[in-house]
Amino acid sequence: MSTYILWDVDGTLLRNGREAANLYHEAVELSAGRALEQLLPHMHGKTDGQILAETLAAHGLDAGLHETARHHLDELSRLRHERGLHREICPGIPEALDAFAARGYVNALLTGNSERRARFKIDGSGLPVDAFDWQHSYFGDITPLRSELTIRAQEELLDHRTVIIGDTPGDDIAAQAAGIPFIGVATGVYSVDDLRETGAALLIEDFDSGLDAVLEFLAR
């Protein structure tokens, strides 16, 4: 039995992007072929698939544009990556990845991003892409609900121990749907006090101050 640590990306491994909302809006504009009013939904904790679907619906656009919008979103992320617009690593993350790997735990991803977008972000941040098991990672570019990702992860990793690390109540809701323990980290838009309202098994401010607590939790 292995232990899989399923990391969220935005707000957990990496700081949230300041202009992330613009990418979704631009992807939908490119898909529609015209300028649109900014009608983006609340995004934190949602998958790319859900955000794009809700944005298309808010503008009364055909849901069939979803695949085209996903393609544009990936391409816009590639262009940002190539222009050197990279994300900042959250505190203590390199040390946490190394500490988990040293204990035989598997670092993998459970993110609302597509695999391509996750790779661009992680590579651009300076984290080693090969620190993660991409074969046992889960991506939300098509999936409308994060809970569908967690349920699939639970089914595919049934013979292993799994833990989800994330920064939003949405991560917790999805973890609970699959019966996977959730560790909350307050490096996104939600504070530790905000995350106390979740069912988190453990809450930390960040991995600079909280790594020992997480290692102790995992050892139990």
Protein backbone atom coordinates (compact mmCIF):
# COMPACT_ATOMS: atom_id res chain seq x y z
CA MET A 1 0.00 0.00 0.00
CA SER A 2 1.34 3.42 -1.00
CA THR A 3 0.34 6.84 0.31
CA TYR A 4 -0.72 9.28 -2.42
CA ILE A 5 -0.62 12.98 -1.57
CA LEU A 6 -3.02 14.65 -4.00
CA TRP A 7 -2.03 18.31 -4.26
CA ASP A 8 -4.17 21.16 -5.51
CA VAL A 9 -2.13 23.63 -7.60
CA ASP A 10 -3.56 27.17 -7.41
CA GLY A 11 -3.30 28.61 -3.92
CA THR A 12 -1.73 25.43 -2.54
CA LEU A 13 1.46 24.58 -4.40
CA LEU A 14 1.63 27.97 -6.12
CA ARG A 15 0.34 31.43 -5.34
CA ASN A 16 -2.87 32.36 -7.14
CA GLY A 17 -2.34 34.28 -10.37
CA ARG A 18 -3.28 37.95 -10.27
CA GLU A 19 -4.76 37.91 -13.77
CA ALA A 20 -6.11 34.37 -13.87
CA ALA A 21 -9.68 35.58 -14.41
CA ASN A 22 -8.66 37.35 -17.60
CA LEU A 23 -7.55 34.08 -19.18
CA TYR A 24 -10.97 32.48 -18.74
CA HIS A 25 -12.70 35.58 -20.08
CA GLU A 26 -10.37 35.82 -23.06
CA ALA A 27 -10.75 32.10 -23.82
CA VAL A 28 -14.54 32.48 -23.96
CA GLU A 29 -14.28 35.66 -26.06
CA LEU A 30 -12.06 33.87 -28.57
CA SER A 31 -14.54 30.99 -28.69
CA ALA A 32 -17.48 33.35 -29.24
CA GLY A 33 -15.61 35.43 -31.80
CA ARG A 34 -16.61 38.72 -30.23
CA ALA A 35 -16.02 40.98 -27.25
CA LEU A 36 -18.02 40.08 -24.14
CA GLU A 37 -18.93 41.75 -20.87
CA GLN A 38 -16.99 40.45 -17.86
CA LEU A 39 -19.44 37.95 -16.30
CA LEU A 40 -17.06 35.53 -14.62
CA PRO A 41 -18.38 33.38 -11.76
CA HIS A 42 -16.67 32.97 -8.40
CA MET A 43 -13.70 30.81 -9.31
CA HIS A 44 -11.86 29.63 -6.19
CA GLY A 45 -12.19 25.89 -5.63
CA LYS A 46 -13.81 25.28 -9.02
CA THR A 47 -12.42 23.35 -11.97
CA ASP A 48 -11.55 24.95 -15.31
CA GLY A 49 -14.39 22.91 -16.80
CA GLN A 50 -16.90 24.34 -14.34
CA ILE A 51 -15.69 27.94 -14.72
CA LEU A 52 -15.84 27.79 -18.51
CA ALA A 53 -19.28 26.15 -18.47
CA GLU A 54 -20.66 28.77 -16.09
CA THR A 55 -19.13 31.61 -18.11
CA LEU A 56 -20.60 30.31 -21.36
CA ALA A 57 -24.00 29.99 -19.68
CA ALA A 58 -23.80 33.49 -18.18
CA HIS A 59 -23.39 34.92 -21.69
CA GLY A 60 -26.09 32.72 -23.19
CA LEU A 61 -23.52 30.99 -25.40
CA ASP A 62 -23.78 27.48 -26.80
CA ALA A 63 -22.42 24.88 -24.39
CA GLY A 64 -20.89 23.24 -27.45
CA LEU A 65 -18.21 25.95 -27.38
CA HIS A 66 -16.74 24.36 -24.25
CA GLU A 67 -14.12 22.28 -26.06
CA THR A 68 -13.00 25.28 -28.13
CA ALA A 69 -12.76 27.41 -24.98
CA ARG A 70 -10.65 24.73 -23.27
CA HIS A 71 -8.27 24.74 -26.22
CA HIS A 72 -7.97 28.54 -26.11
CA LEU A 73 -7.38 28.45 -22.34
CA ASP A 74 -4.53 25.98 -22.76
CA GLU A 75 -3.00 28.08 -25.54
CA LEU A 76 -3.28 31.30 -23.54
CA SER A 77 -1.55 29.55 -20.65
CA ARG A 78 1.22 28.40 -23.00
CA LEU A 79 1.74 31.95 -24.26
CA ARG A 80 1.94 33.29 -20.69
CA HIS A 81 4.47 30.60 -19.85
CA GLU A 82 6.61 31.44 -22.89
CA ARG A 83 6.48 35.16 -22.05
CA GLY A 84 7.90 34.39 -18.61
CA LEU A 85 4.74 35.18 -16.63
CA HIS A 86 5.23 32.54 -13.95
CA ARG A 87 3.68 31.67 -10.60
CA GLU A 88 5.38 32.01 -7.22
CA ILE A 89 5.85 28.88 -5.09
CA CYS A 90 3.96 28.89 -1.79
CA PRO A 91 6.07 28.85 1.41
CA GLY A 92 7.67 25.55 2.36
CA ILE A 93 6.48 23.60 -0.69
CA PRO A 94 9.88 22.35 -1.98
CA GLU A 95 10.73 21.10 1.51
CA ALA A 96 7.33 19.41 1.85
CA LEU A 97 7.66 17.63 -1.50
CA ASP A 98 11.12 16.40 -0.56
CA ALA A 99 10.02 15.30 2.92
CA PHE A 100 7.06 13.34 1.55
CA ALA A 101 9.16 11.66 -1.14
CA ALA A 102 11.85 10.77 1.43
CA ARG A 103 9.21 8.88 3.43
CA GLY A 104 8.03 6.96 0.37
CA TYR A 105 4.84 9.00 -0.16
CA VAL A 106 3.80 9.72 -3.75
CA ASN A 107 3.28 13.36 -4.70
CA ALA A 108 0.53 13.69 -7.31
CA LEU A 109 -2.01 16.31 -8.38
CA LEU A 110 -5.75 16.77 -8.05
CA THR A 111 -6.36 20.11 -9.70
CA GLY A 112 -9.04 22.04 -11.53
CA ASN A 113 -6.53 22.75 -14.30
CA SER A 114 -5.86 20.74 -17.43
CA GLU A 115 -2.68 18.67 -17.44
CA ARG A 116 -1.06 21.11 -19.89
CA ARG A 117 -1.88 24.14 -17.73
CA ALA A 118 -0.64 22.39 -14.60
CA ARG A 119 2.64 21.52 -16.33
CA PHE A 120 3.15 25.11 -17.53
CA LYS A 121 2.51 26.49 -14.04
CA ILE A 122 4.70 24.01 -12.19
CA ASP A 123 7.55 24.18 -14.69
CA GLY A 124 7.45 27.98 -14.76
CA SER A 125 7.50 28.22 -10.98
CA GLY A 126 10.77 26.31 -10.74
CA LEU A 127 9.32 23.24 -9.04
CA PRO A 128 10.57 20.03 -10.68
CA VAL A 129 7.87 18.62 -12.93
CA ASP A 130 9.13 15.09 -12.29
CA ALA A 131 8.46 15.49 -8.55
CA PHE A 132 4.87 14.46 -9.34
CA ASP A 133 3.29 11.21 -10.49
CA TRP A 134 1.42 12.40 -13.56
CA GLN A 135 0.00 8.95 -14.28
CA HIS A 136 -1.93 9.06 -11.01
CA SER A 137 -2.98 12.71 -11.12
CA TYR A 138 -6.43 14.13 -11.79
CA PHE A 139 -7.33 17.15 -13.92
CA GLY A 140 -10.49 19.23 -14.11
CA ASP A 141 -10.52 20.80 -17.57
CA ILE A 142 -13.48 18.68 -18.67
CA THR A 143 -14.99 17.69 -15.32
CA PRO A 144 -17.63 20.19 -14.16
CA LEU A 145 -17.36 19.22 -10.48
CA ARG A 146 -14.25 18.66 -8.41
CA SER A 147 -16.02 15.85 -6.56
CA GLU A 148 -15.99 13.82 -9.78
CA LEU A 149 -12.19 13.98 -9.68
CA THR A 150 -11.97 12.90 -6.06
CA ILE A 151 -14.41 10.01 -6.56
CA ARG A 152 -12.39 8.80 -9.56
CA ALA A 153 -9.17 9.10 -7.55
CA GLN A 154 -10.68 7.11 -4.69
CA GLU A 155 -11.83 4.38 -7.08
CA GLU A 156 -8.52 4.14 -8.96
CA LEU A 157 -6.39 4.27 -5.80
CA LEU A 158 -8.68 2.07 -3.76
CA ASP A 159 -5.85 -0.18 -2.56
CA HIS A 160 -3.77 2.79 -1.41
CA ARG A 161 -4.01 5.53 1.19
CA THR A 162 -4.93 8.95 -0.22
CA VAL A 163 -4.85 12.45 1.28
CA ILE A 164 -5.92 15.70 -0.40
CA ILE A 165 -4.14 18.99 0.28
CA GLY A 166 -5.95 22.16 -0.78
CA ASP A 167 -6.69 25.76 0.09
CA THR A 168 -10.46 26.14 -0.36
CA PRO A 169 -13.69 24.82 1.16
CA GLY A 170 -14.38 23.39 -2.30
CA ASP A 171 -11.41 21.06 -1.90
CA ASP A 172 -12.89 19.84 1.37
CA ILE A 173 -16.36 19.29 -0.08
CA ALA A 174 -14.87 17.24 -2.90
CA ALA A 175 -12.68 15.27 -0.50
CA GLN A 176 -15.67 14.45 1.70
CA ALA A 177 -17.63 13.24 -1.35
CA ALA A 178 -14.97 10.57 -1.85
CA GLY A 179 -14.22 9.89 1.81
CA ILE A 180 -10.63 11.13 1.48
CA PRO A 181 -9.00 13.05 4.38
CA PHE A 182 -8.46 16.73 3.64
CA ILE A 183 -5.57 18.89 4.86
CA GLY A 184 -6.29 22.60 4.53
CA VAL A 185 -3.54 25.17 3.98
CA ALA A 186 -4.22 28.91 4.18
CA THR A 187 -1.98 30.07 1.33
CA GLY A 188 -4.87 30.95 -0.97
CA VAL A 189 -7.72 33.41 -0.46
CA TYR A 190 -9.11 31.61 2.61
CA SER A 191 -7.64 32.08 6.09
CA VAL A 192 -7.21 29.38 8.71
CA ASP A 193 -10.33 30.76 10.43
CA ASP A 194 -12.27 30.44 7.15
CA LEU A 195 -11.11 26.86 6.74
CA ARG A 196 -12.18 25.96 10.29
CA GLU A 197 -15.71 25.79 8.88
CA THR A 198 -14.68 22.79 6.77
CA GLY A 199 -14.28 19.18 7.83
CA ALA A 200 -10.50 19.32 7.47
CA ALA A 201 -8.58 16.68 9.39
CA LEU A 202 -5.76 19.21 9.81
CA LEU A 203 -5.30 22.93 9.12
CA ILE A 204 -2.01 24.77 8.71
CA GLU A 205 -1.05 28.34 7.90
CA ASP A 206 1.57 27.23 5.38
CA PHE A 207 4.20 24.53 4.96
CA ASP A 208 6.96 26.68 6.43
CA SER A 209 5.29 26.49 9.83
CA GLY A 210 3.08 23.43 9.38
CA LEU A 211 5.21 20.72 7.77
CA ASP A 212 5.98 18.91 11.04
CA ALA A 213 2.27 18.77 11.91
CA VAL A 214 1.45 17.31 8.50
CA LEU A 215 4.22 14.72 8.76
CA GLU A 216 2.96 13.71 12.18
CA PHE A 217 -0.59 13.42 10.86
CA LEU A 218 0.53 11.27 7.92
CA ALA A 219 2.61 9.04 10.17
CA ARG A 220 -0.53 8.23 12.17
